[in-house]
Amino acid sequence: MRHFVVTLTFLVPFESFGEAVARHRAFLDEGYSAGMLLMSGPRTPRTGGIVVARAESPEALRAFFARDPYKLEDLATHEFAEFSPVKSQPILAEWIS
């Protein structure tokens, strides 16, 4: 598996997202269920979000996030940064291997 930090940048004020937030969170639940996502949450200040993820390839991760309601509704952009975790807390050993 390859590891990534996904940075979301909001294109409109968060206050205008409405029901898209629930659709986005349901979408993320799919990634958690598939073992693709480790953690996610909003940036401070609330100008976007951060997701720590893993996937077989950058293309697989991009294909997954292409279905994000925030992308489909032109509410946010996604930037993908691949990294190689060389140090981590022992609790993450199974997720990283």
PDB file of N, CA and C in Angstrom:
ATOM      1  N   MET A   1       0.836  -1.190   0.000  1.00  0.00           N
ATOM      2  CA  MET A   1       0.000   0.000   0.000  1.00  0.00           C
ATOM      3  C   MET A   1       0.875   1.246   0.000  1.00  0.00           C
ATOM      4  N   ARG A   2       0.354   2.274  -0.624  1.00  0.00           N
ATOM      5  CA  ARG A   2       1.034   3.573  -0.640  1.00  0.00           C
ATOM      6  C   ARG A   2       0.233   4.538   0.230  1.00  0.00           C
ATOM      7  N   HIS A   3       0.915   5.531   0.788  1.00  0.00           N
ATOM      8  CA  HIS A   3       0.302   6.420   1.776  1.00  0.00           C
ATOM      9  C   HIS A   3       0.254   7.852   1.257  1.00  0.00           C
ATOM     10  N   PHE A   4      -0.791   8.580   1.673  1.00  0.00           N
ATOM     11  CA  PHE A   4      -1.057   9.905   1.136  1.00  0.00           C
ATOM     12  C   PHE A   4      -1.646  10.826   2.193  1.00  0.00           C
ATOM     13  N   VAL A   5      -1.384  12.102   2.002  1.00  0.00           N
ATOM     14  CA  VAL A   5      -2.133  13.149   2.687  1.00  0.00           C
ATOM     15  C   VAL A   5      -2.931  13.847   1.595  1.00  0.00           C
ATOM     16  N   VAL A   6      -4.234  13.921   1.809  1.00  0.00           N
ATOM     17  CA  VAL A   6      -5.121  14.600   0.862  1.00  0.00           C
ATOM     18  C   VAL A   6      -5.542  15.915   1.506  1.00  0.00           C
ATOM     19  N   THR A   7      -5.303  17.002   0.809  1.00  0.00           N
ATOM     20  CA  THR A   7      -5.674  18.326   1.308  1.00  0.00           C
ATOM     21  C   THR A   7      -6.841  18.842   0.485  1.00  0.00           C
ATOM     22  N   LEU A   8      -7.939  19.121   1.169  1.00  0.00           N
ATOM     23  CA  LEU A   8      -9.094  19.726   0.523  1.00  0.00           C
ATOM     24  C   LEU A   8      -9.041  21.226   0.756  1.00  0.00           C
ATOM     25  N   THR A   9      -9.343  21.991  -0.284  1.00  0.00           N
ATOM     26  CA  THR A   9      -9.419  23.444  -0.179  1.00  0.00           C
ATOM     27  C   THR A   9     -10.807  23.864  -0.633  1.00  0.00           C
ATOM     28  N   PHE A  10     -11.521  24.530   0.256  1.00  0.00           N
ATOM     29  CA  PHE A  10     -12.885  24.951  -0.060  1.00  0.00           C
ATOM     30  C   PHE A  10     -12.873  26.072  -1.092  1.00  0.00           C
ATOM     31  N   LEU A  11     -13.825  25.998  -2.016  1.00  0.00           N
ATOM     32  CA  LEU A  11     -13.959  27.005  -3.068  1.00  0.00           C
ATOM     33  C   LEU A  11     -15.011  28.052  -2.730  1.00  0.00           C
ATOM     34  N   VAL A  12     -15.843  27.750  -1.752  1.00  0.00           N
ATOM     35  CA  VAL A  12     -16.891  28.666  -1.281  1.00  0.00           C
ATOM     36  C   VAL A  12     -16.879  28.629   0.244  1.00  0.00           C
ATOM     37  N   PRO A  13     -17.473  29.610   0.906  1.00  0.00           N
ATOM     38  CA  PRO A  13     -17.511  29.585   2.379  1.00  0.00           C
ATOM     39  C   PRO A  13     -18.206  28.324   2.897  1.00  0.00           C
ATOM     40  N   PHE A  14     -17.642  27.738   3.944  1.00  0.00           N
ATOM     41  CA  PHE A  14     -18.188  26.510   4.500  1.00  0.00           C
ATOM     42  C   PHE A  14     -19.655  26.665   4.897  1.00  0.00           C
ATOM     43  N   GLU A  15     -20.029  27.831   5.334  1.00  0.00           N
ATOM     44  CA  GLU A  15     -21.408  28.061   5.786  1.00  0.00           C
ATOM     45  C   GLU A  15     -22.428  27.794   4.672  1.00  0.00           C
ATOM     46  N   SER A  16     -21.991  27.774   3.431  1.00  0.00           N
ATOM     47  CA  SER A  16     -22.929  27.553   2.316  1.00  0.00           C
ATOM     48  C   SER A  16     -22.996  26.085   1.889  1.00  0.00           C
ATOM     49  N   PHE A  17     -22.313  25.171   2.565  1.00  0.00           N
ATOM     50  CA  PHE A  17     -22.271  23.769   2.141  1.00  0.00           C
ATOM     51  C   PHE A  17     -23.587  23.027   2.378  1.00  0.00           C
ATOM     52  N   GLY A  18     -24.329  23.412   3.391  1.00  0.00           N
ATOM     53  CA  GLY A  18     -25.625  22.785   3.657  1.00  0.00           C
ATOM     54  C   GLY A  18     -25.546  21.267   3.780  1.00  0.00           C
ATOM     55  N   GLU A  19     -26.459  20.583   3.084  1.00  0.00           N
ATOM     56  CA  GLU A  19     -26.568  19.125   3.161  1.00  0.00           C
ATOM     57  C   GLU A  19     -25.383  18.395   2.525  1.00  0.00           C
ATOM     58  N   ALA A  20     -24.537  19.106   1.802  1.00  0.00           N
ATOM     59  CA  ALA A  20     -23.365  18.469   1.196  1.00  0.00           C
ATOM     60  C   ALA A  20     -22.440  17.889   2.262  1.00  0.00           C
ATOM     61  N   VAL A  21     -22.455  18.465   3.455  1.00  0.00           N
ATOM     62  CA  VAL A  21     -21.593  17.967   4.543  1.00  0.00           C
ATOM     63  C   VAL A  21     -21.968  16.528   4.882  1.00  0.00           C
ATOM     64  N   ALA A  22     -23.253  16.243   5.024  1.00  0.00           N
ATOM     65  CA  ALA A  22     -23.702  14.881   5.341  1.00  0.00           C
ATOM     66  C   ALA A  22     -23.356  13.922   4.210  1.00  0.00           C
ATOM     67  N   ARG A  23     -23.508  14.348   2.959  1.00  0.00           N
ATOM     68  CA  ARG A  23     -23.163  13.490   1.825  1.00  0.00           C
ATOM     69  C   ARG A  23     -21.658  13.215   1.786  1.00  0.00           C
ATOM     70  N   HIS A  24     -20.848  14.234   2.077  1.00  0.00           N
ATOM     71  CA  HIS A  24     -19.392  14.082   2.115  1.00  0.00           C
ATOM     72  C   HIS A  24     -18.996  13.098   3.214  1.00  0.00           C
ATOM     73  N   ARG A  25     -19.571  13.230   4.387  1.00  0.00           N
ATOM     74  CA  ARG A  25     -19.217  12.336   5.493  1.00  0.00           C
ATOM     75  C   ARG A  25     -19.652  10.900   5.222  1.00  0.00           C
ATOM     76  N   ALA A  26     -20.798  10.708   4.568  1.00  0.00           N
ATOM     77  CA  ALA A  26     -21.228   9.359   4.178  1.00  0.00           C
ATOM     78  C   ALA A  26     -20.255   8.776   3.149  1.00  0.00           C
ATOM     79  N   PHE A  27     -19.788   9.616   2.234  1.00  0.00           N
ATOM     80  CA  PHE A  27     -18.787   9.192   1.256  1.00  0.00           C
ATOM     81  C   PHE A  27     -17.504   8.757   1.971  1.00  0.00           C
ATOM     82  N   LEU A  28     -17.027   9.552   2.930  1.00  0.00           N
ATOM     83  CA  LEU A  28     -15.820   9.193   3.675  1.00  0.00           C
ATOM     84  C   LEU A  28     -16.001   7.865   4.410  1.00  0.00           C
ATOM     85  N   ASP A  29     -17.203   7.606   4.914  1.00  0.00           N
ATOM     86  CA  ASP A  29     -17.465   6.339   5.602  1.00  0.00           C
ATOM     87  C   ASP A  29     -17.161   5.146   4.700  1.00  0.00           C
ATOM     88  N   GLU A  30     -17.400   5.284   3.393  1.00  0.00           N
ATOM     89  CA  GLU A  30     -17.062   4.217   2.450  1.00  0.00           C
ATOM     90  C   GLU A  30     -15.560   3.952   2.474  1.00  0.00           C
ATOM     91  N   GLY A  31     -14.771   5.015   2.512  1.00  0.00           N
ATOM     92  CA  GLY A  31     -13.322   4.873   2.555  1.00  0.00           C
ATOM     93  C   GLY A  31     -12.837   4.256   3.856  1.00  0.00           C
ATOM     94  N   TYR A  32     -13.475   4.620   4.970  1.00  0.00           N
ATOM     95  CA  TYR A  32     -13.115   4.017   6.248  1.00  0.00           C
ATOM     96  C   TYR A  32     -13.455   2.527   6.247  1.00  0.00           C
ATOM     97  N   SER A  33     -14.628   2.183   5.739  1.00  0.00           N
ATOM     98  CA  SER A  33     -15.050   0.774   5.687  1.00  0.00           C
ATOM     99  C   SER A  33     -14.123  -0.058   4.816  1.00  0.00           C
ATOM    100  N   ALA A  34     -13.594   0.540   3.769  1.00  0.00           N
ATOM    101  CA  ALA A  34     -12.692  -0.161   2.851  1.00  0.00           C
ATOM    102  C   ALA A  34     -11.252  -0.210   3.372  1.00  0.00           C
ATOM    103  N   GLY A  35     -10.975   0.429   4.515  1.00  0.00           N
ATOM    104  CA  GLY A  35      -9.624   0.450   5.061  1.00  0.00           C
ATOM    105  C   GLY A  35      -8.707   1.419   4.334  1.00  0.00           C
ATOM    106  N   MET A  36      -9.279   2.335   3.566  1.00  0.00           N
ATOM    107  CA  MET A  36      -8.498   3.287   2.779  1.00  0.00           C
ATOM    108  C   MET A  36      -8.143   4.545   3.579  1.00  0.00           C
ATOM    109  N   LEU A  37      -8.970   4.913   4.540  1.00  0.00           N
ATOM    110  CA  LEU A  37      -8.778   6.157   5.287  1.00  0.00           C
ATOM    111  C   LEU A  37      -8.409   5.872   6.731  1.00  0.00           C
ATOM    112  N   LEU A  38      -7.466   6.642   7.256  1.00  0.00           N
ATOM    113  CA  LEU A  38      -7.056   6.520   8.655  1.00  0.00           C
ATOM    114  C   LEU A  38      -7.696   7.599   9.512  1.00  0.00           C
ATOM    115  N   MET A  39      -7.707   8.834   9.001  1.00  0.00           N
ATOM    116  CA  MET A  39      -8.303   9.939   9.755  1.00  0.00           C
ATOM    117  C   MET A  39      -8.624  11.075   8.802  1.00  0.00           C
ATOM    118  N   SER A  40      -9.556  11.925   9.233  1.00  0.00           N
ATOM    119  CA  SER A  40      -9.943  13.082   8.420  1.00  0.00           C
ATOM    120  C   SER A  40     -10.553  14.132   9.328  1.00  0.00           C
ATOM    121  N   GLY A  41     -10.522  15.363   8.857  1.00  0.00           N
ATOM    122  CA  GLY A  41     -11.135  16.433   9.626  1.00  0.00           C
ATOM    123  C   GLY A  41     -10.879  17.785   8.996  1.00  0.00           C
ATOM    124  N   PRO A  42     -11.588  18.799   9.504  1.00  0.00           N
ATOM    125  CA  PRO A  42     -11.447  20.145   8.953  1.00  0.00           C
ATOM    126  C   PRO A  42     -10.140  20.798   9.374  1.00  0.00           C
ATOM    127  N   ARG A  43      -9.668  21.682   8.517  1.00  0.00           N
ATOM    128  CA  ARG A  43      -8.510  22.507   8.860  1.00  0.00           C
ATOM    129  C   ARG A  43      -8.984  23.663   9.739  1.00  0.00           C
ATOM    130  N   THR A  44      -8.052  24.252  10.464  1.00  0.00           N
ATOM    131  CA  THR A  44      -8.336  25.419  11.285  1.00  0.00           C
ATOM    132  C   THR A  44      -7.453  26.560  10.811  1.00  0.00           C
ATOM    133  N   PRO A  45      -8.049  27.670  10.345  1.00  0.00           N
ATOM    134  CA  PRO A  45      -9.476  27.942  10.231  1.00  0.00           C
ATOM    135  C   PRO A  45     -10.115  27.055   9.163  1.00  0.00           C
ATOM    136  N   ARG A  46     -11.430  27.041   9.130  1.00  0.00           N
ATOM    137  CA  ARG A  46     -12.185  26.100   8.296  1.00  0.00           C
ATOM    138  C   ARG A  46     -12.174  26.510   6.824  1.00  0.00           C
ATOM    139  N   THR A  47     -11.022  26.307   6.203  1.00  0.00           N
ATOM    140  CA  THR A  47     -10.841  26.637   4.789  1.00  0.00           C
ATOM    141  C   THR A  47     -10.699  25.383   3.938  1.00  0.00           C
ATOM    142  N   GLY A  48     -10.838  24.233   4.561  1.00  0.00           N
ATOM    143  CA  GLY A  48     -10.691  22.964   3.865  1.00  0.00           C
ATOM    144  C   GLY A  48     -10.568  21.841   4.863  1.00  0.00           C
ATOM    145  N   GLY A  49      -9.988  20.731   4.415  1.00  0.00           N
ATOM    146  CA  GLY A  49      -9.847  19.582   5.286  1.00  0.00           C
ATOM    147  C   GLY A  49      -8.586  18.807   4.960  1.00  0.00           C
ATOM    148  N   ILE A  50      -8.283  17.835   5.834  1.00  0.00           N
ATOM    149  CA  ILE A  50      -7.122  16.970   5.676  1.00  0.00           C
ATOM    150  C   ILE A  50      -7.595  15.527   5.834  1.00  0.00           C
ATOM    151  N   VAL A  51      -7.072  14.646   4.974  1.00  0.00           N
ATOM    152  CA  VAL A  51      -7.360  13.217   5.059  1.00  0.00           C
ATOM    153  C   VAL A  51      -6.032  12.469   4.975  1.00  0.00           C
ATOM    154  N   VAL A  52      -5.820  11.514   5.865  1.00  0.00           N
ATOM    155  CA  VAL A  52      -4.677  10.610   5.770  1.00  0.00           C
ATOM    156  C   VAL A  52      -5.228   9.304   5.202  1.00  0.00           C
ATOM    157  N   ALA A  53      -4.631   8.860   4.086  1.00  0.00           N
ATOM    158  CA  ALA A  53      -5.203   7.738   3.347  1.00  0.00           C
ATOM    159  C   ALA A  53      -4.118   6.789   2.860  1.00  0.00           C
ATOM    160  N   ARG A  54      -4.563   5.623   2.407  1.00  0.00           N
ATOM    161  CA  ARG A  54      -3.683   4.683   1.739  1.00  0.00           C
ATOM    162  C   ARG A  54      -4.445   4.073   0.573  1.00  0.00           C
ATOM    163  N   ALA A  55      -3.687   3.666  -0.442  1.00  0.00           N
ATOM    164  CA  ALA A  55      -4.292   3.060  -1.625  1.00  0.00           C
ATOM    165  C   ALA A  55      -3.221   2.286  -2.372  1.00  0.00           C
ATOM    166  N   GLU A  56      -3.648   1.443  -3.278  1.00  0.00           N
ATOM    167  CA  GLU A  56      -2.713   0.676  -4.111  1.00  0.00           C
ATOM    168  C   GLU A  56      -1.907   1.583  -5.030  1.00  0.00           C
ATOM    169  N   SER A  57      -2.515   2.710  -5.441  1.00  0.00           N
ATOM    170  CA  SER A  57      -1.842   3.612  -6.379  1.00  0.00           C
ATOM    171  C   SER A  57      -2.435   5.006  -6.251  1.00  0.00           C
ATOM    172  N   PRO A  58      -1.718   6.014  -6.731  1.00  0.00           N
ATOM    173  CA  PRO A  58      -2.296   7.360  -6.743  1.00  0.00           C
ATOM    174  C   PRO A  58      -3.566   7.408  -7.578  1.00  0.00           C
ATOM    175  N   GLU A  59      -3.587   6.645  -8.657  1.00  0.00           N
ATOM    176  CA  GLU A  59      -4.772   6.630  -9.530  1.00  0.00           C
ATOM    177  C   GLU A  59      -5.992   6.079  -8.804  1.00  0.00           C
ATOM    178  N   ALA A  60      -5.789   5.036  -7.995  1.00  0.00           N
ATOM    179  CA  ALA A  60      -6.905   4.468  -7.233  1.00  0.00           C
ATOM    180  C   ALA A  60      -7.444   5.476  -6.223  1.00  0.00           C
ATOM    181  N   LEU A  61      -6.548   6.206  -5.582  1.00  0.00           N
ATOM    182  CA  LEU A  61      -6.988   7.207  -4.608  1.00  0.00           C
ATOM    183  C   LEU A  61      -7.721   8.354  -5.303  1.00  0.00           C
ATOM    184  N   ARG A  62      -7.187   8.805  -6.431  1.00  0.00           N
ATOM    185  CA  ARG A  62      -7.844   9.876  -7.195  1.00  0.00           C
ATOM    186  C   ARG A  62      -9.221   9.429  -7.685  1.00  0.00           C
ATOM    187  N   ALA A  63      -9.331   8.182  -8.119  1.00  0.00           N
ATOM    188  CA  ALA A  63     -10.626   7.665  -8.576  1.00  0.00           C
ATOM    189  C   ALA A  63     -11.636   7.654  -7.433  1.00  0.00           C
ATOM    190  N   PHE A  64     -11.174   7.273  -6.244  1.00  0.00           N
ATOM    191  CA  PHE A  64     -12.061   7.290  -5.081  1.00  0.00           C
ATOM    192  C   PHE A  64     -12.544   8.713  -4.805  1.00  0.00           C
ATOM    193  N   PHE A  65     -11.622   9.664  -4.705  1.00  0.00           N
ATOM    194  CA  PHE A  65     -11.996  11.033  -4.370  1.00  0.00           C
ATOM    195  C   PHE A  65     -12.722  11.760  -5.498  1.00  0.00           C
ATOM    196  N   ALA A  66     -12.684  11.236  -6.694  1.00  0.00           N
ATOM    197  CA  ALA A  66     -13.465  11.819  -7.794  1.00  0.00           C
ATOM    198  C   ALA A  66     -14.957  11.711  -7.509  1.00  0.00           C
ATOM    199  N   ARG A  67     -15.327  10.810  -6.595  1.00  0.00           N
ATOM    200  CA  ARG A  67     -16.744  10.634  -6.227  1.00  0.00           C
ATOM    201  C   ARG A  67     -17.150  11.445  -5.003  1.00  0.00           C
ATOM    202  N   ASP A  68     -16.227  12.210  -4.444  1.00  0.00           N
ATOM    203  CA  ASP A  68     -16.526  13.031  -3.259  1.00  0.00           C
ATOM    204  C   ASP A  68     -17.571  14.088  -3.630  1.00  0.00           C
ATOM    205  N   PRO A  69     -18.663  14.154  -2.881  1.00  0.00           N
ATOM    206  CA  PRO A  69     -19.667  15.187  -3.157  1.00  0.00           C
ATOM    207  C   PRO A  69     -19.093  16.601  -3.178  1.00  0.00           C
ATOM    208  N   TYR A  70     -18.084  16.867  -2.367  1.00  0.00           N
ATOM    209  CA  TYR A  70     -17.475  18.195  -2.390  1.00  0.00           C
ATOM    210  C   TYR A  70     -16.872  18.488  -3.763  1.00  0.00           C
ATOM    211  N   LYS A  71     -16.300  17.479  -4.406  1.00  0.00           N
ATOM    212  CA  LYS A  71     -15.756  17.662  -5.757  1.00  0.00           C
ATOM    213  C   LYS A  71     -16.888  17.742  -6.781  1.00  0.00           C
ATOM    214  N   LEU A  72     -17.826  16.817  -6.692  1.00  0.00           N
ATOM    215  CA  LEU A  72     -18.923  16.755  -7.661  1.00  0.00           C
ATOM    216  C   LEU A  72     -19.775  18.023  -7.661  1.00  0.00           C
ATOM    217  N   GLU A  73     -19.857  18.671  -6.503  1.00  0.00           N
ATOM    218  CA  GLU A  73     -20.677  19.877  -6.383  1.00  0.00           C
ATOM    219  C   GLU A  73     -19.840  21.160  -6.442  1.00  0.00           C
ATOM    220  N   ASP A  74     -18.572  21.029  -6.864  1.00  0.00           N
ATOM    221  CA  ASP A  74     -17.659  22.168  -7.001  1.00  0.00           C
ATOM    222  C   ASP A  74     -17.540  22.991  -5.719  1.00  0.00           C
ATOM    223  N   LEU A  75     -17.443  22.290  -4.601  1.00  0.00           N
ATOM    224  CA  LEU A  75     -17.282  22.950  -3.311  1.00  0.00           C
ATOM    225  C   LEU A  75     -15.829  22.958  -2.844  1.00  0.00           C
ATOM    226  N   ALA A  76     -15.013  22.023  -3.371  1.00  0.00           N
ATOM    227  CA  ALA A  76     -13.630  21.919  -2.911  1.00  0.00           C
ATOM    228  C   ALA A  76     -12.759  21.286  -3.989  1.00  0.00           C
ATOM    229  N   THR A  77     -11.464  21.585  -3.898  1.00  0.00           N
ATOM    230  CA  THR A  77     -10.470  20.898  -4.706  1.00  0.00           C
ATOM    231  C   THR A  77      -9.711  19.933  -3.807  1.00  0.00           C
ATOM    232  N   HIS A  78      -9.049  18.966  -4.415  1.00  0.00           N
ATOM    233  CA  HIS A  78      -8.283  17.962  -3.684  1.00  0.00           C
ATOM    234  C   HIS A  78      -6.852  17.963  -4.199  1.00  0.00           C
ATOM    235  N   GLU A  79      -5.902  17.973  -3.277  1.00  0.00           N
ATOM    236  CA  GLU A  79      -4.492  17.859  -3.612  1.00  0.00           C
ATOM    237  C   GLU A  79      -3.963  16.598  -2.936  1.00  0.00           C
ATOM    238  N   PHE A  80      -3.194  15.808  -3.664  1.00  0.00           N
ATOM    239  CA  PHE A  80      -2.711  14.514  -3.180  1.00  0.00           C
ATOM    240  C   PHE A  80      -1.191  14.550  -3.033  1.00  0.00           C
ATOM    241  N   ALA A  81      -0.704  14.253  -1.832  1.00  0.00           N
ATOM    242  CA  ALA A  81       0.733  14.192  -1.575  1.00  0.00           C
ATOM    243  C   ALA A  81       1.055  12.794  -1.061  1.00  0.00           C
ATOM    244  N   GLU A  82       1.842  12.057  -1.826  1.00  0.00           N
ATOM    245  CA  GLU A  82       2.256  10.726  -1.392  1.00  0.00           C
ATOM    246  C   GLU A  82       3.460  10.854  -0.461  1.00  0.00           C
ATOM    247  N   PHE A  83       3.517   9.991   0.544  1.00  0.00           N
ATOM    248  CA  PHE A  83       4.671   9.979   1.442  1.00  0.00           C
ATOM    249  C   PHE A  83       4.953   8.548   1.874  1.00  0.00           C
ATOM    250  N   SER A  84       6.162   8.329   2.372  1.00  0.00           N
ATOM    251  CA  SER A  84       6.576   7.012   2.863  1.00  0.00           C
ATOM    252  C   SER A  84       6.760   7.094   4.369  1.00  0.00           C
ATOM    253  N   PRO A  85       5.839   6.509   5.141  1.00  0.00           N
ATOM    254  CA  PRO A  85       5.977   6.564   6.593  1.00  0.00           C
ATOM    255  C   PRO A  85       7.137   5.685   7.062  1.00  0.00           C
ATOM    256  N   VAL A  86       8.172   6.323   7.587  1.00  0.00           N
ATOM    257  CA  VAL A  86       9.330   5.576   8.079  1.00  0.00           C
ATOM    258  C   VAL A  86       9.348   5.487   9.609  1.00  0.00           C
ATOM    259  N   LYS A  87       8.604   6.363  10.265  1.00  0.00           N
ATOM    260  CA  LYS A  87       8.459   6.309  11.717  1.00  0.00           C
ATOM    261  C   LYS A  87       6.990   6.548  12.042  1.00  0.00           C
ATOM    262  N   SER A  88       6.506   5.845  13.044  1.00  0.00           N
ATOM    263  CA  SER A  88       5.117   6.020  13.465  1.00  0.00           C
ATOM    264  C   SER A  88       4.931   5.413  14.851  1.00  0.00           C
ATOM    265  N   GLN A  89       3.801   5.688  15.432  1.00  0.00           N
ATOM    266  CA  GLN A  89       3.445   5.073  16.703  1.00  0.00           C
ATOM    267  C   GLN A  89       3.187   3.577  16.466  1.00  0.00           C
ATOM    268  N   PRO A  90       3.563   2.724  17.408  1.00  0.00           N
ATOM    269  CA  PRO A  90       3.356   1.283  17.242  1.00  0.00           C
ATOM    270  C   PRO A  90       1.899   0.901  16.947  1.00  0.00           C
ATOM    271  N   ILE A  91       0.967   1.657  17.445  1.00  0.00           N
ATOM    272  CA  ILE A  91      -0.446   1.357  17.215  1.00  0.00           C
ATOM    273  C   ILE A  91      -0.822   1.371  15.736  1.00  0.00           C
ATOM    274  N   LEU A  92      -0.001   2.048  14.911  1.00  0.00           N
ATOM    275  CA  LEU A  92      -0.284   2.159  13.473  1.00  0.00           C
ATOM    276  C   LEU A  92       0.412   1.080  12.637  1.00  0.00           C
ATOM    277  N   ALA A  93       1.165   0.205  13.249  1.00  0.00           N
ATOM    278  CA  ALA A  93       1.977  -0.772  12.501  1.00  0.00           C
ATOM    279  C   ALA A  93       1.160  -1.575  11.506  1.00  0.00           C
ATOM    280  N   GLU A  94       0.022  -2.066  11.907  1.00  0.00           N
ATOM    281  CA  GLU A  94      -0.799  -2.872  10.996  1.00  0.00           C
ATOM    282  C   GLU A  94      -1.338  -2.044   9.841  1.00  0.00           C
ATOM    283  N   TRP A  95      -1.733  -0.811  10.109  1.00  0.00           N
ATOM    284  CA  TRP A  95      -2.290   0.046   9.053  1.00  0.00           C
ATOM    285  C   TRP A  95      -1.224   0.445   8.038  1.00  0.00           C
ATOM    286  N   ILE A  96       0.008   0.616   8.494  1.00  0.00           N
ATOM    287  CA  ILE A  96       1.082   1.066   7.619  1.00  0.00           C
ATOM    288  C   ILE A  96       1.665  -0.088   6.812  1.00  0.00           C
ATOM    289  N   SER A  97       1.695  -1.288   7.386  1.00  0.00           N
ATOM    290  CA  SER A  97       2.342  -2.416   6.688  1.00  0.00           C
ATOM    291  C   SER A  97       1.580  -2.849   5.455  1.00  0.00           C
TER     292      SER A  97
END
